[in-house]
Protein backbone atom coordinates (compact mmCIF):
# COMPACT_ATOMS: atom_id res chain seq x y z
CA MET A 1 0.00 0.00 0.00
CA SER A 2 1.37 3.41 -0.94
CA ASN A 3 2.24 5.76 1.92
CA SER A 4 2.19 8.88 -0.25
CA VAL A 5 0.19 11.86 0.94
CA GLN A 6 -3.11 12.28 -0.92
CA ALA A 7 -5.67 15.05 -1.23
CA ILE A 8 -8.45 15.28 1.33
CA ARG A 9 -11.58 13.46 0.20
CA GLY A 10 -13.88 15.81 -1.70
CA MET A 11 -11.16 18.42 -2.25
CA ASN A 12 -9.91 17.91 -5.76
CA ASP A 13 -7.02 19.08 -7.90
CA LEU A 14 -7.87 21.00 -11.06
CA LEU A 15 -5.42 19.98 -13.79
CA PRO A 16 -4.26 22.37 -16.53
CA GLU A 17 -6.58 20.97 -19.22
CA THR A 18 -9.57 21.62 -16.96
CA VAL A 19 -8.30 24.94 -15.64
CA ALA A 20 -8.34 26.30 -19.20
CA TYR A 21 -12.14 25.84 -19.23
CA TRP A 22 -12.44 27.39 -15.76
CA GLN A 23 -10.51 30.45 -16.88
CA TRP A 24 -12.67 30.81 -19.97
CA VAL A 25 -15.93 30.51 -18.00
CA GLU A 26 -14.63 33.02 -15.44
CA ASP A 27 -13.68 35.47 -18.20
CA VAL A 28 -17.11 35.16 -19.82
CA ALA A 29 -18.83 35.60 -16.45
CA ARG A 30 -16.74 38.69 -15.71
CA ASP A 31 -17.69 40.23 -19.06
CA VAL A 32 -21.39 39.54 -18.48
CA MET A 33 -21.23 41.00 -14.95
CA ASP A 34 -19.53 44.10 -16.35
CA SER A 35 -22.22 44.48 -19.00
CA TYR A 36 -24.88 44.76 -16.26
CA GLY A 37 -22.86 47.08 -14.03
CA TYR A 38 -22.01 44.55 -11.31
CA ARG A 39 -18.76 45.24 -9.43
CA GLU A 40 -16.49 42.55 -7.99
CA LEU A 41 -16.14 42.11 -4.21
CA ARG A 42 -13.51 39.79 -2.68
CA LEU A 43 -14.40 38.10 0.59
CA PRO A 44 -12.45 36.16 3.26
CA LEU A 45 -12.64 32.36 3.43
CA LEU A 46 -13.10 32.38 7.23
CA GLU A 47 -15.97 34.00 9.09
CA LYS A 48 -17.29 33.86 12.64
CA THR A 49 -19.52 30.80 12.99
CA ASP A 50 -22.38 32.90 14.33
CA LEU A 51 -22.71 34.64 10.95
CA PHE A 52 -23.88 31.44 9.29
CA LYS A 53 -26.01 30.26 12.22
CA ARG A 54 -27.89 33.55 12.12
CA SER A 55 -28.21 33.74 8.34
CA ILE A 56 -28.58 30.20 7.03
CA GLY A 57 -30.56 28.96 10.04
CA GLU A 58 -29.48 26.62 12.83
CA VAL A 59 -32.03 23.98 11.78
CA THR A 60 -30.53 23.32 8.36
CA ASP A 61 -28.34 20.53 7.05
CA ILE A 62 -25.58 23.04 6.32
CA VAL A 63 -25.29 24.29 9.90
CA GLU A 64 -26.16 21.02 11.63
CA LYS A 65 -24.04 18.63 9.56
CA GLU A 66 -21.87 20.23 6.91
CA MET A 67 -19.91 23.27 8.11
CA TYR A 68 -16.17 23.11 8.70
CA THR A 69 -16.11 24.76 12.14
CA PHE A 70 -13.28 24.97 14.68
CA ASP A 71 -12.03 27.07 17.60
CA ASP A 72 -8.96 29.16 16.85
CA ARG A 73 -6.17 29.84 19.32
CA ASN A 74 -8.15 32.68 20.88
CA GLY A 75 -11.07 30.35 21.51
CA ASP A 76 -13.25 32.00 18.83
CA SER A 77 -15.49 29.69 16.80
CA LEU A 78 -14.66 30.12 13.11
CA THR A 79 -16.12 28.51 9.98
CA LEU A 80 -14.88 28.07 6.44
CA ARG A 81 -17.60 29.78 4.44
CA PRO A 82 -20.24 27.32 3.16
CA GLU A 83 -21.81 29.97 0.89
CA GLY A 84 -21.18 33.57 -0.11
CA THR A 85 -24.36 35.59 0.50
CA ALA A 86 -23.99 35.91 4.27
CA SER A 87 -20.37 37.05 3.89
CA CYS A 88 -21.38 39.59 1.25
CA VAL A 89 -24.12 40.99 3.51
CA ARG A 90 -21.72 41.13 6.45
CA ALA A 91 -19.16 43.01 4.33
CA ALA A 92 -21.79 45.46 3.06
CA ILE A 93 -22.98 46.22 6.61
CA GLU A 94 -19.49 46.47 8.07
CA ASN A 95 -18.24 48.80 5.34
CA GLY A 96 -21.22 51.14 5.40
CA MET A 97 -22.41 50.28 1.90
CA LEU A 98 -26.14 50.04 2.49
CA HIS A 99 -27.59 53.26 3.91
CA ASN A 100 -29.55 55.01 1.13
CA GLN A 101 -27.43 53.24 -1.48
CA VAL A 102 -27.98 50.83 -4.35
CA HIS A 103 -25.36 48.18 -5.10
CA ARG A 104 -24.84 45.44 -7.66
CA LEU A 105 -21.98 43.19 -6.51
CA TRP A 106 -20.44 39.87 -7.52
CA TYR A 107 -17.80 37.55 -6.12
CA ALA A 108 -16.14 34.22 -6.90
CA GLY A 109 -14.20 31.61 -4.99
CA PRO A 110 -14.17 28.36 -3.01
CA MET A 111 -16.82 27.31 -0.49
CA PHE A 112 -16.69 24.38 1.94
CA ARG A 113 -19.28 21.83 3.09
CA HIS A 114 -18.63 18.43 4.66
CA GLU A 115 -21.08 16.36 2.66
CA ARG A 116 -20.85 13.08 0.78
CA PRO A 117 -18.73 13.72 -2.33
CA GLN A 118 -20.36 12.78 -5.62
CA LYS A 119 -20.20 13.89 -9.22
CA GLY A 120 -20.65 17.65 -9.37
CA ARG A 121 -20.70 18.03 -5.58
CA TYR A 122 -17.50 18.26 -3.55
CA ARG A 123 -16.42 19.33 -0.09
CA GLN A 124 -14.45 22.20 -1.54
CA PHE A 125 -16.51 23.65 -4.37
CA HIS A 126 -16.50 26.95 -6.19
CA GLN A 127 -19.20 29.50 -6.81
CA ILE A 128 -19.75 32.72 -8.69
CA GLY A 129 -22.38 34.81 -6.95
CA ALA A 130 -24.14 38.12 -7.49
CA GLU A 131 -25.96 40.19 -4.86
CA THR A 132 -28.08 43.34 -5.18
CA PHE A 133 -29.00 45.75 -2.39
CA GLY A 134 -31.49 48.59 -2.14
CA MET A 135 -33.96 47.54 -4.85
CA GLU A 136 -37.26 46.04 -3.72
CA GLY A 137 -39.20 45.53 -6.95
CA PRO A 138 -39.46 42.42 -9.13
CA ASP A 139 -37.54 44.26 -11.87
CA VAL A 140 -34.21 43.44 -10.25
CA ASP A 141 -35.35 39.84 -9.69
CA ALA A 142 -35.96 39.69 -13.43
CA GLU A 143 -32.58 41.32 -14.10
CA LEU A 144 -30.78 38.58 -12.16
CA ILE A 145 -32.57 35.92 -14.17
CA LEU A 146 -31.88 37.71 -17.45
CA LEU A 147 -28.21 38.04 -16.50
CA THR A 148 -27.91 34.30 -15.94
CA ALA A 149 -29.80 33.57 -19.17
CA ARG A 150 -27.33 35.77 -21.04
CA LEU A 151 -24.46 33.91 -19.37
CA TRP A 152 -25.75 30.55 -20.63
CA HIS A 153 -25.99 32.03 -24.13
CA GLU A 154 -22.45 33.43 -24.03
CA LEU A 155 -21.13 30.10 -22.76
CA GLY A 156 -22.82 28.24 -25.61
CA ILE A 157 -25.02 26.00 -23.47
CA ASP A 158 -28.73 25.49 -24.00
CA ASP A 159 -29.87 22.41 -22.07
CA VAL A 160 -31.09 24.44 -19.08
CA ARG A 161 -34.58 25.19 -17.82
CA LEU A 162 -35.80 27.76 -15.31
CA GLU A 163 -38.05 27.07 -12.31
CA ILE A 164 -39.44 29.91 -10.18
CA ASN A 165 -41.59 30.23 -7.06
CA SER A 166 -42.58 32.75 -4.42
CA LEU A 167 -42.09 32.08 -0.71
CA GLY A 168 -44.00 35.21 0.27
CA THR A 169 -43.22 36.79 3.63
CA VAL A 170 -42.59 35.35 7.10
CA GLU A 171 -46.28 35.83 7.87
CA THR A 172 -47.17 33.96 4.67
CA ARG A 173 -44.98 31.03 5.59
CA ASN A 174 -46.29 30.88 9.16
CA ALA A 175 -49.88 30.60 7.91
CA HIS A 176 -48.90 27.99 5.35
CA ARG A 177 -46.82 26.10 7.91
CA LYS A 178 -49.85 25.32 10.07
CA GLU A 179 -51.76 23.75 7.18
CA LEU A 180 -48.66 21.95 5.90
CA VAL A 181 -47.86 20.41 9.29
CA THR A 182 -51.46 19.21 9.68
CA TYR A 183 -51.35 17.63 6.23
CA LEU A 184 -47.96 15.95 6.75
CA ARG A 185 -48.95 14.55 10.14
CA ASP A 186 -51.83 12.78 8.41
CA HIS A 187 -49.13 11.09 6.26
CA TYR A 188 -46.55 10.71 9.02
CA ASP A 189 -45.97 6.99 8.61
CA ALA A 190 -45.07 7.45 4.93
CA LEU A 191 -42.39 10.08 5.61
CA ASP A 192 -38.71 9.17 5.72
CA ASP A 193 -36.65 9.79 8.86
CA ASP A 194 -35.23 13.08 7.58
CA SER A 195 -38.69 14.44 6.82
CA LYS A 196 -40.00 13.34 10.23
CA ARG A 197 -37.20 15.30 11.88
CA ARG A 198 -37.88 18.35 9.73
CA LEU A 199 -41.61 18.19 10.46
CA GLU A 200 -41.01 19.58 13.94
CA GLN A 201 -38.17 21.94 13.06
CA ASN A 202 -38.53 23.20 9.47
CA PRO A 203 -41.47 21.58 7.66
CA LEU A 204 -41.12 23.79 4.56
CA ARG A 205 -37.87 21.98 3.76
CA ILE A 206 -39.81 18.73 3.33
CA LEU A 207 -41.19 20.19 0.09
CA ASP A 208 -37.62 20.11 -1.26
CA SER A 209 -37.09 16.41 -0.44
CA LYS A 210 -35.35 14.34 -3.12
CA ASN A 211 -36.96 11.11 -1.86
CA PRO A 212 -39.44 9.97 -4.58
CA ASP A 213 -41.88 8.58 -1.99
CA VAL A 214 -41.92 11.86 -0.09
CA GLN A 215 -42.27 13.80 -3.35
CA LYS A 216 -45.50 11.91 -4.06
CA ILE A 217 -46.85 13.04 -0.70
CA VAL A 218 -45.89 16.70 -1.04
CA ALA A 219 -47.35 16.85 -4.56
CA SER A 220 -50.79 17.13 -2.94
CA ALA A 221 -49.73 19.25 0.02
CA PRO A 222 -51.19 22.73 0.61
CA SER A 223 -49.49 25.21 -1.72
CA LEU A 224 -47.63 28.20 -0.37
CA LEU A 225 -48.81 30.16 -3.43
CA ASP A 226 -52.38 29.95 -2.11
CA HIS A 227 -51.32 31.86 1.00
CA LEU A 228 -49.51 34.78 -0.62
CA SER A 229 -50.52 38.27 0.44
CA ASP A 230 -51.84 40.61 -2.24
CA GLU A 231 -48.49 42.41 -2.25
CA SER A 232 -46.44 39.21 -2.64
CA ARG A 233 -48.80 37.88 -5.32
CA ASP A 234 -48.51 41.16 -7.25
CA HIS A 235 -44.70 40.98 -6.95
CA PHE A 236 -44.68 37.43 -8.34
CA GLU A 237 -47.10 38.21 -11.16
CA ARG A 238 -45.06 41.25 -12.22
CA LEU A 239 -41.90 39.13 -12.24
CA GLN A 240 -43.60 36.65 -14.57
CA ALA A 241 -44.72 39.50 -16.81
CA TYR A 242 -41.12 40.77 -17.08
CA LEU A 243 -39.90 37.29 -17.98
CA ASP A 244 -42.70 36.82 -20.52
CA ASP A 245 -41.86 40.15 -22.17
CA ALA A 246 -38.18 39.15 -22.35
CA GLY A 247 -39.03 35.78 -23.93
CA ILE A 248 -37.66 33.76 -21.00
CA GLU A 249 -39.33 30.37 -20.65
CA TYR A 250 -39.98 29.16 -17.09
CA GLU A 251 -42.02 26.81 -14.96
CA VAL A 252 -43.70 27.77 -11.68
CA ASN A 253 -42.75 25.07 -9.16
CA PRO A 254 -44.68 25.43 -5.85
CA CYS A 255 -42.27 22.95 -4.18
CA LEU A 256 -39.19 25.05 -4.90
CA VAL A 257 -38.16 26.37 -1.48
CA ARG A 258 -34.30 26.49 -1.57
CA GLY A 259 -32.14 25.10 1.24
CA LEU A 260 -31.44 28.35 3.08
CA ASP A 261 -33.79 29.94 5.59
CA TYR A 262 -33.19 33.56 4.62
CA TYR A 263 -35.10 33.56 1.31
CA SER A 264 -38.40 35.44 0.88
CA ARG A 265 -40.65 36.04 -2.10
CA THR A 266 -38.84 35.19 -5.35
CA VAL A 267 -36.74 32.02 -5.57
CA PHE A 268 -35.43 30.44 -8.76
CA GLU A 269 -33.25 27.63 -10.06
CA TRP A 270 -31.66 26.85 -13.42
CA ILE A 271 -31.58 23.09 -13.98
CA THR A 272 -30.01 20.82 -16.58
CA SER A 273 -30.75 17.19 -17.41
CA GLU A 274 -27.16 16.50 -18.54
CA LEU A 275 -25.59 16.17 -15.08
CA GLY A 276 -27.74 13.45 -13.54
CA ALA A 277 -29.14 13.93 -10.05
CA GLN A 278 -27.03 17.05 -9.44
CA GLY A 279 -28.87 19.07 -12.07
CA THR A 280 -29.07 22.52 -10.47
CA ILE A 281 -26.32 24.78 -11.83
CA CYS A 282 -27.58 28.12 -10.52
CA ALA A 283 -30.02 29.18 -7.81
CA GLY A 284 -31.05 32.33 -6.03
CA GLY A 285 -33.81 34.64 -5.02
CA ARG A 286 -34.81 37.49 -2.74
CA TYR A 287 -33.79 37.81 0.93
CA ASP A 288 -35.21 41.11 2.12
CA GLY A 289 -34.91 40.32 5.83
CA LEU A 290 -31.31 39.14 5.96
CA VAL A 291 -29.56 42.50 6.29
CA GLU A 292 -31.66 43.43 9.32
CA GLN A 293 -31.26 39.89 10.71
CA LEU A 294 -27.47 40.38 10.66
CA GLY A 295 -27.56 43.75 12.40
CA GLY A 296 -28.03 46.23 9.55
CA LYS A 297 -30.95 48.47 8.70
CA SER A 298 -33.81 46.89 6.79
CA THR A 299 -32.63 46.64 3.17
CA PRO A 300 -34.21 44.83 0.20
CA ALA A 301 -31.79 42.36 -1.36
CA ALA A 302 -31.66 39.61 -3.98
CA GLY A 303 -28.99 37.47 -5.60
CA PHE A 304 -27.87 34.12 -6.95
CA ALA A 305 -24.96 31.70 -6.91
CA LEU A 306 -23.84 29.28 -9.60
CA GLY A 307 -21.71 26.18 -9.12
CA MET A 308 -18.52 26.30 -11.16
CA GLU A 309 -17.82 22.56 -11.14
CA ARG A 310 -21.20 21.74 -12.66
CA LEU A 311 -21.12 24.68 -15.04
CA VAL A 312 -17.66 23.80 -16.39
CA GLU A 313 -18.75 20.19 -16.82
CA LEU A 314 -21.76 21.40 -18.80
CA VAL A 315 -19.60 23.64 -20.99
CA GLN A 316 -17.23 20.75 -21.70
CA ALA A 317 -20.20 18.61 -22.74
CA GLN A 318 -22.04 21.19 -24.86
CA ASN A 319 -19.31 23.52 -26.09
CA PRO A 320 -16.03 21.57 -25.99
CA ASP A 321 -14.37 23.72 -28.68
CA ALA A 322 -14.79 26.91 -26.69
CA VAL A 323 -11.26 26.73 -25.32
CA GLU A 324 -8.29 27.04 -27.64
CA SER A 325 -4.62 26.70 -26.77
CA PRO A 326 -3.05 30.06 -25.86
CA ILE A 327 0.24 28.95 -27.41
CA ASP A 328 1.05 30.42 -30.82
CA ALA A 329 4.29 28.56 -31.46
CA TYR A 330 6.71 25.93 -30.21
CA LEU A 331 10.40 26.60 -30.91
CA VAL A 332 12.29 23.44 -31.91
CA CYS A 333 16.02 23.90 -31.19
CA LEU A 334 18.51 21.67 -33.03
CA GLY A 335 21.91 21.89 -31.39
CA ASP A 336 23.64 24.02 -28.76
CA ALA A 337 23.88 27.13 -30.92
CA ALA A 338 20.15 26.93 -31.71
CA GLN A 339 19.31 26.45 -28.04
CA SER A 340 21.29 29.53 -27.06
CA LEU A 341 19.79 31.69 -29.80
CA GLY A 342 16.36 30.14 -29.28
CA ILE A 343 16.12 31.40 -25.69
CA LYS A 344 16.97 34.93 -26.85
CA LEU A 345 14.70 34.77 -29.90
CA SER A 346 11.79 33.51 -27.78
CA GLU A 347 12.11 36.49 -25.45
CA GLN A 348 12.10 38.89 -28.40
CA LEU A 349 8.96 37.24 -29.80
CA ARG A 350 7.16 37.38 -26.45
CA SER A 351 7.87 41.11 -26.34
CA GLN A 352 6.12 41.31 -29.72
CA GLY A 353 2.99 39.55 -28.43
CA VAL A 354 3.80 35.94 -29.37
CA ASN A 355 3.02 33.15 -26.90
CA ILE A 356 5.83 30.71 -27.52
CA ILE A 357 7.34 27.67 -25.80
CA CYS A 358 11.07 27.31 -26.28
CA HIS A 359 12.01 23.65 -26.17
CA CYS A 360 14.36 22.71 -23.34
CA GLY A 361 16.18 19.47 -22.66
CA GLY A 362 17.50 18.54 -26.10
CA GLY A 363 16.26 15.60 -28.16
CA SER A 364 15.78 14.63 -31.78
CA VAL A 365 13.70 16.54 -34.30
CA LYS A 366 11.04 13.82 -34.11
CA SER A 367 10.73 13.94 -30.32
CA GLN A 368 10.64 17.74 -30.28
CA MET A 369 7.97 17.85 -32.98
CA LYS A 370 5.82 15.45 -30.94
CA LYS A 371 6.05 17.82 -28.00
CA ALA A 372 5.28 20.74 -30.27
CA ASP A 373 2.10 19.02 -31.46
CA LYS A 374 1.09 18.04 -27.91
CA SER A 375 1.52 21.63 -26.72
CA GLY A 376 -1.45 22.79 -28.78
CA ALA A 377 0.63 25.39 -30.61
CA ARG A 378 -0.48 26.55 -34.05
CA TYR A 379 3.06 26.51 -35.45
CA ALA A 380 6.39 24.82 -34.93
CA VAL A 381 9.33 27.18 -35.40
CA ILE A 382 12.41 25.17 -36.37
CA LEU A 383 15.87 26.54 -35.67
CA GLY A 384 19.11 24.78 -36.64
CA ASP A 385 22.61 25.66 -37.82
CA ASP A 386 21.50 26.34 -41.41
CA GLU A 387 18.70 28.62 -40.22
CA ILE A 388 21.02 30.52 -37.89
CA GLN A 389 23.47 31.14 -40.72
CA ALA A 390 20.66 32.41 -42.98
CA GLY A 391 19.05 34.56 -40.26
CA GLU A 392 15.73 32.77 -40.62
CA ALA A 393 13.62 29.97 -39.12
CA GLY A 394 11.40 27.26 -40.52
CA VAL A 395 7.69 27.69 -39.77
CA LYS A 396 5.56 24.55 -39.95
CA PHE A 397 1.74 24.52 -39.64
CA LEU A 398 0.50 22.18 -36.88
CA ARG A 399 -3.26 22.85 -36.87
CA GLU A 400 -4.05 23.63 -40.49
CA THR A 401 -2.88 22.79 -43.97
CA GLY A 402 0.00 24.82 -45.37
CA GLU A 403 3.48 24.50 -46.80
CA GLN A 404 6.41 24.88 -44.44
CA GLN A 405 8.14 28.18 -45.09
CA GLN A 406 11.38 29.91 -44.19
CA VAL A 407 10.83 33.25 -42.45
CA MET A 408 13.38 35.91 -41.52
CA PHE A 409 13.71 36.45 -37.77
CA ASP A 410 12.36 40.00 -37.86
CA ALA A 411 9.19 38.83 -39.70
CA LEU A 412 8.37 35.92 -37.40
CA ALA A 413 6.05 37.84 -35.05
CA ASP A 414 3.79 38.95 -37.91
CA ILE A 415 3.47 35.38 -39.20
CA LEU A 416 2.95 33.72 -35.79
CA THR A 417 0.23 36.13 -34.61
CA LYS A 418 -1.68 36.24 -37.92
CA ASP A 419 -5.34 35.19 -37.48
């Protein structure tokens, strides 16, 4: 048995071939965020544990089972962030960003939850999130959905569908809760153990159960939509009108409740059928009470988070040609003189905007050409004694048809960067 040190279960390495897709998705996401006026915020990985207990809810799987929590040397309870919204709200309050202000913010980075690793779900996972503050109407809810729809388009993916729901207000949920609990108690024996536990603590979460037997029961449960106040119903209907006008297809799912306690009114999820059971790639909604809950003044807020692992996997499946090699050329060096000049020539070409790998380590022409091809470069630049004497290099096409040509050193950059 090997005694080598291995990665922690559920915390995976991202190898260069995969990282190229991550970088491309991140660049596209940044461009889309910029086009809507969202500004990037960078947040710490560690927060005080109380932040997540107060925001996510103590009676949730995340807080009860999944958070990476420990006492530091000062005896303070700290937690690796399991999600980004609470940290973003904390930062906005702490830095005085909310009083009589409107903000559109976004962030990206790793999150941590100790759950059973499976395809598309890991203990260290990555999210891109967006949060808005100071806007209470359904127009910004629609904007968040339109932003994500534009992102799917720019990424070249189309196997996604949108589900929306309204959770109303706290008063709405309290009225619905009474009817829901009565209904579920009449079906108590058919509930699984997890649902029985939630029945006393957070019955709304039973609606989000993934157990097929429980799903059959909740299909006939009292609907939260029937309990919406006139104001919440108007908010939800106006949101649907905005989406209809924009040509966004969606399905109203009364069982969509999200896994975090802070949501109110609008909630939504983007789902794909290509990733098996872990089909949600983006989710969000409105959380108007969270700022006040965390010590700030009452501020309307809404946002979303998307899972990078699942999104990259979807891009690789639906748009595999999106990522091209950044390498323009691979310099094949034949002999000591070519190696010496090749290092200098490569530096000159990089200063002229050429991305070039200069071969190191010697080897035959055949072995170097194999490495040139494997690098993904468009061209092989061949440098030997004859080329040095003539002040030129051979340029061979690696990705397209074309005759090998001899090019003077001072004209190489123009050839190698030609589209």
